[in-house]
Structure formats: structure tokens, C-alpha cells
Amino acid sequence: LALNPWDVVLCVSGTIICCENAIVVVVIFYSPAFRAPMFLLIGSLATADLLAGAGLILRFASVYFIPSEAVSLLTVGLLVSSFTASVCSLLAITIDRYLSLYNALTYCSERTVTRTHIMLLLTWGASACHGLLPVLGWNCREEPAACSAVRPLTRSHLALLSASVLAALAAMLQLYVQICRVVCRHAQQIAVQRHFVASSHCGAGKGIAAPAVILGTLASCWLPFALYGLLGDRGSPALYGYAALLPAAHSSLLNPVIYAFRNRQIQKVLWALCCGCGSPSPPSRSPSDV
């Protein structure tokens, strides 16, 4: 096969994704200090994105080095499972951040730990089910007419995935709207206590900026894939598929920067590891950063 530049870009992106998220996974899962719910959810997101990067590399290998139907099905199953886990982890992080602000006084409790474990179980259970469907037979290998724009997924399976992504994005949008309201209300209360009204606008503006960036990134990365999955068909040009898959892959590229590398505790650990300064102080069990 002639080398397709789009496949090369996806493979290189997958390699960078693996390197980025491997750092986050190692820092979180091998540091006993990071056992708070917020770090477990960030670790889940990093694990999902790490698998997505591995899936992109395996996809390149299955096309150019191991042209096998079995490997192709395994690759599609891995990508479906990892991308589903990534979106579900993003939703779980959003829920955790909303609850950390709405129930700030009771956030650091065993109930929060239990809720986090339940969300992780649901996230990876649903992701495993979605990924196993094409491997266990829900594919269009025997019936090409049922193929979707993303072969070998069926039209109904891809439509279900796309609808799930849109539903998750809508839920995150609603939650971040509520987060912005809570942030604005807190800023106004602090301003009233200090008898300084101007600070409420400043604090609210800073609190709204972060959710706006997060939502903008999510929408730009996942809307093309969701819309292509609902509107595309097996006769669509291959370029459309690459144009939809590449932004979704870049979501896994940006997630470590947005959710992990911006965290001050993780920054301290990375700085300590790079400088060889020894073990940093353990992070506090505080609510997630907005």
C-alpha cells in the first residue's frame, strides 16, 4: 500500500499521546500520595487516552504491516473502548468538579470515595462492552451493506456511539453552566463580605474562563466525529473520516495538558522527578480544580 500522510499523522499523534499519558499514569498510579478521588479520575482519563494512543499505533501497523481482519477488529475494538472510556472519564471528572463545589463541606468523605469507585466501574464497564461488540460479532464483515462510515462498525453501532458522545457533551455543558453559576455566586458572596463589588466580576471572570476553554476544546474535538458518525455513510470520501478522527485523537493529546499538567500537585511531583529532589509533599484531599 502507498503510505497515506493522514495515517502517518495519526500514528505520530498516537505516539505522542502514549508518551504524554504514560507520564501521568506513572505519576498517579505509582505515587501513594495520589489516592484522592480527583486523582483517580484523572488517572482513569490518562489510562483511556494511553490506550487510545496505542490503538492509533496498532491501526497503522494493521494497515501497513499486519493486514489481518482479526487484527483490524481488535484495533477497532480497542479504539472504540478507549475513546468511550475517555469521554466517560471526562464526564466523571465534570461530575466530581460540580459536586466538589456544590457540596464542598462534605466532599472529603468516604461517600465521595465510594461514588468515585462506582463511576470508574460504570465507565470501564460501558467502555469494555462497546469495545467488545465488534469483536464478538456486531460488525459488517458478513454484510457489507450494513457498514457505516467507519468500517467494520455497523451503522447502528456508530450511531449509538455518536449519540452517546453528544449526550455526554450535553451533560457536561449543563454541569459546567451550573459550575459557573456556583463560582459567580461564591465570588459575589466574597465581594459582599469584603464590601468590594468590583472583585466579584474579576473572580467570576477567572472562574468562567477555565470551563469555557474546557468546553470549547471538547466541542471542537468531538463534534466532528459525532456528526460524521450520524450523517456519514460508507460511501463518504475517506478524507471525511480522517478529518473526523484526527480531532477526536487530539482530544487525547490535549487532555493531559488540561487536566493533569495544570494541577499544582502533579506539577510538583514532575518537577521533583526531573530535578531529582526526592519525594514531594503529599497532595491535600481538596476539591478538584475548575
C-alpha atoms as a PDB file:
ATOM      1  CA  LEU A   1       0.000   0.000   0.000  1.00  0.00           C
ATOM      2  CA  ALA A   2       1.095   3.562  -0.697  1.00  0.00           C
ATOM      3  CA  LEU A   3       1.795   5.422   2.523  1.00  0.00           C
ATOM      4  CA  ASN A   4      -1.074   7.754   3.370  1.00  0.00           C
ATOM      5  CA  PRO A   5       0.073  11.014   5.058  1.00  0.00           C
ATOM      6  CA  TRP A   6      -3.087  11.019   7.203  1.00  0.00           C
ATOM      7  CA  ASP A   7      -2.181   7.597   8.594  1.00  0.00           C
ATOM      8  CA  VAL A   8       1.314   8.861   9.386  1.00  0.00           C
ATOM      9  CA  VAL A   9      -0.126  11.879  11.233  1.00  0.00           C
ATOM     10  CA  LEU A  10      -2.434   9.605  13.257  1.00  0.00           C
ATOM     11  CA  CYS A  11       0.436   7.259  14.100  1.00  0.00           C
ATOM     12  CA  VAL A  12       2.702  10.116  15.191  1.00  0.00           C
ATOM     13  CA  SER A  13      -0.176  11.575  17.227  1.00  0.00           C
ATOM     14  CA  GLY A  14      -0.692   8.179  18.854  1.00  0.00           C
ATOM     15  CA  THR A  15       2.986   8.007  19.803  1.00  0.00           C
ATOM     16  CA  ILE A  16       2.884  11.460  21.424  1.00  0.00           C
ATOM     17  CA  ILE A  17      -0.384  10.567  23.172  1.00  0.00           C
ATOM     18  CA  CYS A  18       1.187   7.421  24.622  1.00  0.00           C
ATOM     19  CA  CYS A  19       4.234   9.307  25.904  1.00  0.00           C
ATOM     20  CA  GLU A  20       2.176  12.100  27.496  1.00  0.00           C
ATOM     21  CA  ASN A  21      -0.350   9.892  29.202  1.00  0.00           C
ATOM     22  CA  ALA A  22       2.211   7.292  30.280  1.00  0.00           C
ATOM     23  CA  ILE A  23       3.859  10.022  32.365  1.00  0.00           C
ATOM     24  CA  VAL A  24       0.526  10.857  34.029  1.00  0.00           C
ATOM     25  CA  VAL A  25      -0.297   7.189  34.662  1.00  0.00           C
ATOM     26  CA  VAL A  26       3.106   6.510  36.214  1.00  0.00           C
ATOM     27  CA  VAL A  27       2.936   9.596  38.446  1.00  0.00           C
ATOM     28  CA  ILE A  28      -0.602   8.890  39.696  1.00  0.00           C
ATOM     29  CA  PHE A  29      -0.698   5.113  39.994  1.00  0.00           C
ATOM     30  CA  TYR A  30       2.799   4.671  41.402  1.00  0.00           C
ATOM     31  CA  SER A  31       2.638   7.533  43.910  1.00  0.00           C
ATOM     32  CA  PRO A  32       0.820   6.542  47.127  1.00  0.00           C
ATOM     33  CA  ALA A  33       0.136  10.243  47.778  1.00  0.00           C
ATOM     34  CA  PHE A  34      -2.286  10.393  44.831  1.00  0.00           C
ATOM     35  CA  ARG A  35      -5.260   8.402  46.103  1.00  0.00           C
ATOM     36  CA  ALA A  36      -7.859  11.179  46.315  1.00  0.00           C
ATOM     37  CA  PRO A  37     -10.934  10.777  44.072  1.00  0.00           C
ATOM     38  CA  MET A  38      -9.919  13.633  41.780  1.00  0.00           C
ATOM     39  CA  PHE A  39      -6.577  11.948  41.013  1.00  0.00           C
ATOM     40  CA  LEU A  40      -8.199   8.554  40.462  1.00  0.00           C
ATOM     41  CA  LEU A  41     -10.459  10.109  37.825  1.00  0.00           C
ATOM     42  CA  ILE A  42      -7.536  11.890  36.173  1.00  0.00           C
ATOM     43  CA  GLY A  43      -5.686   8.573  36.181  1.00  0.00           C
ATOM     44  CA  SER A  44      -8.672   6.888  34.534  1.00  0.00           C
ATOM     45  CA  LEU A  45      -8.686   9.552  31.825  1.00  0.00           C
ATOM     46  CA  ALA A  46      -4.939   9.168  31.265  1.00  0.00           C
ATOM     47  CA  THR A  47      -5.266   5.371  31.053  1.00  0.00           C
ATOM     48  CA  ALA A  48      -8.060   5.661  28.479  1.00  0.00           C
ATOM     49  CA  ASP A  49      -6.061   8.137  26.408  1.00  0.00           C
ATOM     50  CA  LEU A  50      -2.952   5.944  26.660  1.00  0.00           C
ATOM     51  CA  LEU A  51      -4.954   3.036  25.224  1.00  0.00           C
ATOM     52  CA  ALA A  52      -6.307   5.332  22.506  1.00  0.00           C
ATOM     53  CA  GLY A  53      -2.749   6.259  21.502  1.00  0.00           C
ATOM     54  CA  ALA A  54      -1.794   2.581  21.451  1.00  0.00           C
ATOM     55  CA  GLY A  55      -4.848   1.895  19.302  1.00  0.00           C
ATOM     56  CA  LEU A  56      -3.789   4.517  16.760  1.00  0.00           C
ATOM     57  CA  ILE A  57      -0.322   2.952  16.528  1.00  0.00           C
ATOM     58  CA  LEU A  58      -1.835  -0.528  16.205  1.00  0.00           C
ATOM     59  CA  ARG A  59      -4.163   0.766  13.499  1.00  0.00           C
ATOM     60  CA  PHE A  60      -1.165   1.957  11.473  1.00  0.00           C
ATOM     61  CA  ALA A  61       0.512  -1.440  11.939  1.00  0.00           C
ATOM     62  CA  SER A  62      -2.651  -3.317  10.952  1.00  0.00           C
ATOM     63  CA  VAL A  63      -2.944  -1.349   7.720  1.00  0.00           C
ATOM     64  CA  TYR A  64       0.671  -1.438   6.527  1.00  0.00           C
ATOM     65  CA  PHE A  65       2.399  -4.318   8.334  1.00  0.00           C
ATOM     66  CA  ILE A  66      -0.226  -6.806   9.599  1.00  0.00           C
ATOM     67  CA  PRO A  67      -3.149  -6.699   7.129  1.00  0.00           C
ATOM     68  CA  SER A  68      -5.407  -9.113   9.001  1.00  0.00           C
ATOM     69  CA  GLU A  69      -9.148  -8.974   9.623  1.00  0.00           C
ATOM     70  CA  ALA A  70      -8.671 -10.244  13.164  1.00  0.00           C
ATOM     71  CA  VAL A  71      -6.102  -7.555  13.968  1.00  0.00           C
ATOM     72  CA  SER A  72      -8.347  -4.956  12.350  1.00  0.00           C
ATOM     73  CA  LEU A  73     -11.270  -5.989  14.562  1.00  0.00           C
ATOM     74  CA  LEU A  74      -9.095  -5.911  17.674  1.00  0.00           C
ATOM     75  CA  THR A  75      -7.835  -2.454  16.701  1.00  0.00           C
ATOM     76  CA  VAL A  76     -11.345  -1.108  16.167  1.00  0.00           C
ATOM     77  CA  GLY A  77     -12.474  -2.645  19.448  1.00  0.00           C
ATOM     78  CA  LEU A  78      -9.537  -1.058  21.306  1.00  0.00           C
ATOM     79  CA  LEU A  79     -10.180   2.369  19.768  1.00  0.00           C
ATOM     80  CA  VAL A  80     -13.926   2.217  20.473  1.00  0.00           C
ATOM     81  CA  SER A  81     -13.324   1.108  24.056  1.00  0.00           C
ATOM     82  CA  SER A  82     -10.593   3.671  24.772  1.00  0.00           C
ATOM     83  CA  PHE A  83     -12.425   6.626  23.222  1.00  0.00           C
ATOM     84  CA  THR A  84     -15.602   5.653  25.100  1.00  0.00           C
ATOM     85  CA  ALA A  85     -13.626   5.436  28.355  1.00  0.00           C
ATOM     86  CA  SER A  86     -12.039   8.821  27.621  1.00  0.00           C
ATOM     87  CA  VAL A  87     -15.388  10.563  27.109  1.00  0.00           C
ATOM     88  CA  CYS A  88     -16.916   8.823  30.152  1.00  0.00           C
ATOM     89  CA  SER A  89     -13.908   9.801  32.279  1.00  0.00           C
ATOM     90  CA  LEU A  90     -14.306  13.408  31.166  1.00  0.00           C
ATOM     91  CA  LEU A  91     -17.956  13.263  32.228  1.00  0.00           C
ATOM     92  CA  ALA A  92     -16.981  11.713  35.583  1.00  0.00           C
ATOM     93  CA  ILE A  93     -14.402  14.459  36.169  1.00  0.00           C
ATOM     94  CA  THR A  94     -17.031  17.087  35.390  1.00  0.00           C
ATOM     95  CA  ILE A  95     -19.472  15.490  37.851  1.00  0.00           C
ATOM     96  CA  ASP A  96     -16.754  15.360  40.501  1.00  0.00           C
ATOM     97  CA  ARG A  97     -15.871  19.028  39.985  1.00  0.00           C
ATOM     98  CA  TYR A  98     -19.503  20.066  40.215  1.00  0.00           C
ATOM     99  CA  LEU A  99     -20.041  18.102  43.436  1.00  0.00           C
ATOM    100  CA  SER A 100     -16.781  19.413  44.912  1.00  0.00           C
ATOM    101  CA  LEU A 101     -18.164  22.942  44.606  1.00  0.00           C
ATOM    102  CA  TYR A 102     -21.814  22.216  45.354  1.00  0.00           C
ATOM    103  CA  ASN A 103     -21.042  20.022  48.388  1.00  0.00           C
ATOM    104  CA  ALA A 104     -17.702  21.486  49.406  1.00  0.00           C
ATOM    105  CA  LEU A 105     -18.190  20.817  53.133  1.00  0.00           C
ATOM    106  CA  THR A 106     -18.875  17.082  52.677  1.00  0.00           C
ATOM    107  CA  TYR A 107     -16.654  16.455  49.655  1.00  0.00           C
ATOM    108  CA  CYS A 108     -13.740  14.938  51.622  1.00  0.00           C
ATOM    109  CA  SER A 109     -15.634  11.909  52.917  1.00  0.00           C
ATOM    110  CA  GLU A 110     -15.888   8.172  52.346  1.00  0.00           C
ATOM    111  CA  ARG A 111     -19.087   8.769  50.399  1.00  0.00           C
ATOM    112  CA  THR A 112     -17.074  10.627  47.765  1.00  0.00           C
ATOM    113  CA  VAL A 113     -14.610   7.735  47.528  1.00  0.00           C
ATOM    114  CA  THR A 114     -17.442   5.244  47.070  1.00  0.00           C
ATOM    115  CA  ARG A 115     -19.091   7.415  44.420  1.00  0.00           C
ATOM    116  CA  THR A 116     -15.788   7.700  42.564  1.00  0.00           C
ATOM    117  CA  HIS A 117     -15.305   3.924  42.536  1.00  0.00           C
ATOM    118  CA  ILE A 118     -18.841   3.468  41.203  1.00  0.00           C
ATOM    119  CA  MET A 119     -18.218   5.989  38.406  1.00  0.00           C
ATOM    120  CA  LEU A 120     -14.972   4.232  37.488  1.00  0.00           C
ATOM    121  CA  LEU A 121     -16.726   0.863  37.422  1.00  0.00           C
ATOM    122  CA  LEU A 122     -19.503   2.189  35.191  1.00  0.00           C
ATOM    123  CA  THR A 123     -17.006   3.974  32.931  1.00  0.00           C
ATOM    124  CA  TRP A 124     -14.842   0.965  32.217  1.00  0.00           C
ATOM    125  CA  GLY A 125     -17.750  -1.476  32.175  1.00  0.00           C
ATOM    126  CA  ALA A 126     -19.564   0.503  29.492  1.00  0.00           C
ATOM    127  CA  SER A 127     -16.332   1.020  27.559  1.00  0.00           C
ATOM    128  CA  ALA A 128     -15.470  -2.679  27.607  1.00  0.00           C
ATOM    129  CA  CYS A 129     -18.965  -3.564  26.372  1.00  0.00           C
ATOM    130  CA  HIS A 130     -18.762  -1.082  23.492  1.00  0.00           C
ATOM    131  CA  GLY A 131     -15.293  -2.297  22.513  1.00  0.00           C
ATOM    132  CA  LEU A 132     -16.200  -5.986  22.616  1.00  0.00           C
ATOM    133  CA  LEU A 133     -19.282  -5.621  20.404  1.00  0.00           C
ATOM    134  CA  PRO A 134     -17.430  -5.514  17.041  1.00  0.00           C
ATOM    135  CA  VAL A 135     -15.007  -8.241  18.181  1.00  0.00           C
ATOM    136  CA  LEU A 136     -17.826 -10.582  19.263  1.00  0.00           C
ATOM    137  CA  GLY A 137     -19.748 -10.257  16.014  1.00  0.00           C
ATOM    138  CA  TRP A 138     -21.583  -6.913  15.822  1.00  0.00           C
ATOM    139  CA  ASN A 139     -19.768  -5.828  12.680  1.00  0.00           C
ATOM    140  CA  CYS A 140     -20.422  -5.664   8.963  1.00  0.00           C
ATOM    141  CA  ARG A 141     -17.858  -8.230   7.755  1.00  0.00           C
ATOM    142  CA  GLU A 142     -20.586 -10.617   6.605  1.00  0.00           C
ATOM    143  CA  GLU A 143     -22.986  -7.885   5.450  1.00  0.00           C
ATOM    144  CA  PRO A 144     -21.138  -5.025   3.704  1.00  0.00           C
ATOM    145  CA  ALA A 145     -24.392  -3.154   3.070  1.00  0.00           C
ATOM    146  CA  ALA A 146     -24.728  -2.603   6.834  1.00  0.00           C
ATOM    147  CA  CYS A 147     -21.317  -0.917   7.102  1.00  0.00           C
ATOM    148  CA  SER A 148     -21.118   2.599   8.457  1.00  0.00           C
ATOM    149  CA  ALA A 149     -18.696   5.356   7.548  1.00  0.00           C
ATOM    150  CA  VAL A 150     -16.210   3.685   9.919  1.00  0.00           C
ATOM    151  CA  ARG A 151     -15.685   0.125   8.767  1.00  0.00           C
ATOM    152  CA  PRO A 152     -16.242  -2.516  10.176  1.00  0.00           C
ATOM    153  CA  LEU A 153     -18.703  -0.822  12.561  1.00  0.00           C
ATOM    154  CA  THR A 154     -22.345  -1.126  11.618  1.00  0.00           C
ATOM    155  CA  ARG A 155     -24.472   1.972  11.049  1.00  0.00           C
ATOM    156  CA  SER A 156     -26.491   1.313  14.199  1.00  0.00           C
ATOM    157  CA  HIS A 157     -23.368   0.858  16.353  1.00  0.00           C
ATOM    158  CA  LEU A 158     -21.716   4.036  15.078  1.00  0.00           C
ATOM    159  CA  ALA A 159     -24.982   5.949  15.518  1.00  0.00           C
ATOM    160  CA  LEU A 160     -25.179   4.688  19.116  1.00  0.00           C
ATOM    161  CA  LEU A 161     -21.588   5.811  19.775  1.00  0.00           C
ATOM    162  CA  SER A 162     -22.186   9.226  18.210  1.00  0.00           C
ATOM    163  CA  ALA A 163     -25.416   9.751  20.144  1.00  0.00           C
ATOM    164  CA  SER A 164     -23.623   8.753  23.362  1.00  0.00           C
ATOM    165  CA  VAL A 165     -20.874  11.308  22.699  1.00  0.00           C
ATOM    166  CA  LEU A 166     -23.440  14.047  22.040  1.00  0.00           C
ATOM    167  CA  ALA A 167     -25.346  13.120  25.216  1.00  0.00           C
ATOM    168  CA  ALA A 168     -22.132  13.246  27.261  1.00  0.00           C
ATOM    169  CA  LEU A 169     -21.228  16.641  25.772  1.00  0.00           C
ATOM    170  CA  ALA A 170     -24.710  17.973  26.557  1.00  0.00           C
ATOM    171  CA  ALA A 171     -24.454  16.698  30.150  1.00  0.00           C
ATOM    172  CA  MET A 172     -21.017  18.311  30.576  1.00  0.00           C
ATOM    173  CA  LEU A 173     -22.322  21.576  29.141  1.00  0.00           C
ATOM    174  CA  GLN A 174     -25.171  21.620  31.660  1.00  0.00           C
ATOM    175  CA  LEU A 175     -22.822  20.778  34.542  1.00  0.00           C
ATOM    176  CA  TYR A 176     -20.319  23.475  33.597  1.00  0.00           C
ATOM    177  CA  VAL A 177     -23.156  26.007  33.369  1.00  0.00           C
ATOM    178  CA  GLN A 178     -24.048  25.061  36.949  1.00  0.00           C
ATOM    179  CA  ILE A 179     -20.365  25.290  37.931  1.00  0.00           C
ATOM    180  CA  CYS A 180     -20.181  28.812  36.511  1.00  0.00           C
ATOM    181  CA  ARG A 181     -23.268  29.797  38.497  1.00  0.00           C
ATOM    182  CA  VAL A 182     -21.768  28.442  41.708  1.00  0.00           C
ATOM    183  CA  VAL A 183     -18.472  30.239  41.018  1.00  0.00           C
ATOM    184  CA  CYS A 184     -20.270  33.529  40.331  1.00  0.00           C
ATOM    185  CA  ARG A 185     -22.356  33.159  43.492  1.00  0.00           C
ATOM    186  CA  HIS A 186     -19.268  32.474  45.596  1.00  0.00           C
ATOM    187  CA  ALA A 187     -17.456  35.453  44.065  1.00  0.00           C
ATOM    188  CA  GLN A 188     -20.410  37.714  44.854  1.00  0.00           C
ATOM    189  CA  GLN A 189     -20.607  36.447  48.447  1.00  0.00           C
ATOM    190  CA  ILE A 190     -16.887  37.089  48.974  1.00  0.00           C
ATOM    191  CA  ALA A 191     -17.236  40.549  47.450  1.00  0.00           C
ATOM    192  CA  VAL A 192     -20.140  41.402  49.757  1.00  0.00           C
ATOM    193  CA  GLN A 193     -18.184  40.247  52.786  1.00  0.00           C
ATOM    194  CA  ARG A 194     -15.256  42.418  51.781  1.00  0.00           C
ATOM    195  CA  HIS A 195     -17.515  45.337  50.726  1.00  0.00           C
ATOM    196  CA  PHE A 196     -15.778  45.388  47.369  1.00  0.00           C
ATOM    197  CA  VAL A 197     -18.155  44.756  44.465  1.00  0.00           C
ATOM    198  CA  ALA A 198     -15.563  45.035  41.689  1.00  0.00           C
ATOM    199  CA  SER A 199     -13.771  41.886  42.865  1.00  0.00           C
ATOM    200  CA  SER A 200     -16.861  39.780  42.183  1.00  0.00           C
ATOM    201  CA  HIS A 201     -16.590  40.452  38.441  1.00  0.00           C
ATOM    202  CA  CYS A 202     -12.875  39.629  38.471  1.00  0.00           C
ATOM    203  CA  GLY A 203     -13.310  36.390  40.408  1.00  0.00           C
ATOM    204  CA  ALA A 204     -16.280  35.282  38.337  1.00  0.00           C
ATOM    205  CA  GLY A 205     -14.427  36.024  35.115  1.00  0.00           C
ATOM    206  CA  LYS A 206     -11.479  33.861  36.154  1.00  0.00           C
ATOM    207  CA  GLY A 207     -13.819  31.087  37.264  1.00  0.00           C
ATOM    208  CA  ILE A 208     -15.733  31.090  33.981  1.00  0.00           C
ATOM    209  CA  ALA A 209     -12.647  31.218  31.746  1.00  0.00           C
ATOM    210  CA  ALA A 210     -11.464  27.691  32.605  1.00  0.00           C
ATOM    211  CA  PRO A 211     -14.842  25.961  31.924  1.00  0.00           C
ATOM    212  CA  ALA A 212     -15.155  27.931  28.673  1.00  0.00           C
ATOM    213  CA  VAL A 213     -11.759  26.677  27.485  1.00  0.00           C
ATOM    214  CA  ILE A 214     -12.597  23.097  28.503  1.00  0.00           C
ATOM    215  CA  LEU A 215     -15.974  23.125  26.763  1.00  0.00           C
ATOM    216  CA  GLY A 216     -14.539  24.749  23.645  1.00  0.00           C
ATOM    217  CA  THR A 217     -11.847  22.080  23.447  1.00  0.00           C
ATOM    218  CA  LEU A 218     -14.348  19.264  23.956  1.00  0.00           C
ATOM    219  CA  ALA A 219     -16.725  20.593  21.322  1.00  0.00           C
ATOM    220  CA  SER A 220     -14.018  21.191  18.703  1.00  0.00           C
ATOM    221  CA  CYS A 221     -12.556  17.706  19.260  1.00  0.00           C
ATOM    222  CA  TRP A 222     -15.672  15.543  19.478  1.00  0.00           C
ATOM    223  CA  LEU A 223     -18.416  17.287  17.494  1.00  0.00           C
ATOM    224  CA  PRO A 224     -16.847  16.460  14.090  1.00  0.00           C
ATOM    225  CA  PHE A 225     -16.682  12.760  14.978  1.00  0.00           C
ATOM    226  CA  ALA A 226     -20.221  12.678  16.419  1.00  0.00           C
ATOM    227  CA  LEU A 227     -21.748  14.486  13.442  1.00  0.00           C
ATOM    228  CA  TYR A 228     -19.820  12.375  10.942  1.00  0.00           C
ATOM    229  CA  GLY A 229     -20.985   9.222  12.684  1.00  0.00           C
ATOM    230  CA  LEU A 230     -24.625  10.320  12.418  1.00  0.00           C
ATOM    231  CA  LEU A 231     -24.562  11.877   8.940  1.00  0.00           C
ATOM    232  CA  GLY A 232     -21.830   9.985   7.092  1.00  0.00           C
ATOM    233  CA  ASP A 233     -22.231   6.689   5.237  1.00  0.00           C
ATOM    234  CA  ARG A 234     -19.968   4.014   3.785  1.00  0.00           C
ATOM    235  CA  GLY A 235     -19.803   5.913   0.519  1.00  0.00           C
ATOM    236  CA  SER A 236     -18.332   9.033   2.114  1.00  0.00           C
ATOM    237  CA  PRO A 237     -14.810  10.023   0.989  1.00  0.00           C
ATOM    238  CA  ALA A 238     -12.017   8.716   3.195  1.00  0.00           C
ATOM    239  CA  LEU A 239     -10.873  12.295   3.758  1.00  0.00           C
ATOM    240  CA  TYR A 240     -14.036  12.978   5.783  1.00  0.00           C
ATOM    241  CA  GLY A 241     -13.239  10.068   8.082  1.00  0.00           C
ATOM    242  CA  TYR A 242      -9.701  11.304   8.717  1.00  0.00           C
ATOM    243  CA  ALA A 243     -10.997  14.847   9.296  1.00  0.00           C
ATOM    244  CA  ALA A 244     -13.376  13.490  11.957  1.00  0.00           C
ATOM    245  CA  LEU A 245     -10.957  11.048  13.612  1.00  0.00           C
ATOM    246  CA  LEU A 246      -7.983  13.408  13.892  1.00  0.00           C
ATOM    247  CA  PRO A 247      -9.710  15.980  16.200  1.00  0.00           C
ATOM    248  CA  ALA A 248     -11.013  13.132  18.386  1.00  0.00           C
ATOM    249  CA  ALA A 249      -7.454  11.808  18.647  1.00  0.00           C
ATOM    250  CA  HIS A 250      -6.195  15.275  19.530  1.00  0.00           C
ATOM    251  CA  SER A 251      -8.617  15.272  22.467  1.00  0.00           C
ATOM    252  CA  SER A 252      -6.422  12.551  23.981  1.00  0.00           C
ATOM    253  CA  LEU A 253      -3.427  14.727  23.138  1.00  0.00           C
ATOM    254  CA  LEU A 254      -4.826  17.772  24.964  1.00  0.00           C
ATOM    255  CA  ASN A 255      -6.383  16.036  27.978  1.00  0.00           C
ATOM    256  CA  PRO A 256      -3.093  15.598  29.894  1.00  0.00           C
ATOM    257  CA  VAL A 257      -2.335  19.291  29.447  1.00  0.00           C
ATOM    258  CA  ILE A 258      -5.796  20.423  30.590  1.00  0.00           C
ATOM    259  CA  TYR A 259      -6.457  18.000  33.438  1.00  0.00           C
ATOM    260  CA  ALA A 260      -3.068  16.763  34.679  1.00  0.00           C
ATOM    261  CA  PHE A 261      -0.158  19.055  33.868  1.00  0.00           C
ATOM    262  CA  ARG A 262      -2.118  22.124  35.064  1.00  0.00           C
ATOM    263  CA  ASN A 263      -2.593  20.547  38.503  1.00  0.00           C
ATOM    264  CA  ARG A 264      -0.178  22.029  41.029  1.00  0.00           C
ATOM    265  CA  GLN A 265       0.360  18.776  42.942  1.00  0.00           C
ATOM    266  CA  ILE A 266       1.242  16.878  39.764  1.00  0.00           C
ATOM    267  CA  GLN A 267       3.499  19.735  38.691  1.00  0.00           C
ATOM    268  CA  LYS A 268       5.387  19.439  41.997  1.00  0.00           C
ATOM    269  CA  VAL A 269       5.869  15.707  41.526  1.00  0.00           C
ATOM    270  CA  LEU A 270       7.070  16.101  37.941  1.00  0.00           C
ATOM    271  CA  TRP A 271       9.435  18.883  38.950  1.00  0.00           C
ATOM    272  CA  ALA A 272      10.806  16.764  41.799  1.00  0.00           C
ATOM    273  CA  LEU A 273      11.320  13.781  39.490  1.00  0.00           C
ATOM    274  CA  CYS A 274      13.029  15.880  36.829  1.00  0.00           C
ATOM    275  CA  CYS A 275      15.353  17.569  39.329  1.00  0.00           C
ATOM    276  CA  GLY A 276      15.902  14.503  41.484  1.00  0.00           C
ATOM    277  CA  CYS A 277      14.824  16.428  44.553  1.00  0.00           C
ATOM    278  CA  GLY A 278      13.280  13.443  46.333  1.00  0.00           C
ATOM    279  CA  SER A 279       9.681  12.834  47.256  1.00  0.00           C
ATOM    280  CA  PRO A 280       7.444  15.903  47.314  1.00  0.00           C
ATOM    281  CA  SER A 281       4.877  16.572  49.988  1.00  0.00           C
ATOM    282  CA  PRO A 282       1.633  14.614  49.542  1.00  0.00           C
ATOM    283  CA  PRO A 283      -1.275  16.473  47.943  1.00  0.00           C
ATOM    284  CA  SER A 284      -4.166  17.542  50.076  1.00  0.00           C
ATOM    285  CA  ARG A 285      -7.614  15.993  49.645  1.00  0.00           C
ATOM    286  CA  SER A 286      -9.147  19.139  48.264  1.00  0.00           C
ATOM    287  CA  PRO A 287     -11.893  19.595  45.707  1.00  0.00           C
ATOM    288  CA  SER A 288     -10.933  19.403  42.061  1.00  0.00           C
ATOM    289  CA  ASP A 289      -9.714  22.481  40.279  1.00  0.00           C
ATOM    290  CA  VAL A 290     -12.293  24.053  37.997  1.00  0.00           C
END
